[in-house]
């Protein structure tokens, strides 16, 4: 009976240790994901602002950029 109680306690401690390791690694990966997603959003915003400035200043250049990255437009 005492041996059974010790084994249950040992399994509970091993489970808690495994959960701590798993969520420690998972939290680190989640943090890296959010940092990279934040960087991607910043790059997207800067690129959109640059594209709209080019579109206002030089529509032909903006059209050539659009053609380069998405193919030729249908309105020619």
Foldseek 3Di string as FASTA:
>chain_A
DVVVVVVVVVVVVVVVVVVVVVVVVVVVVVVVVVVVVVVVVVVVVVVVVVLVVCCVVPVVVSQVVCCVPPNHDPPD
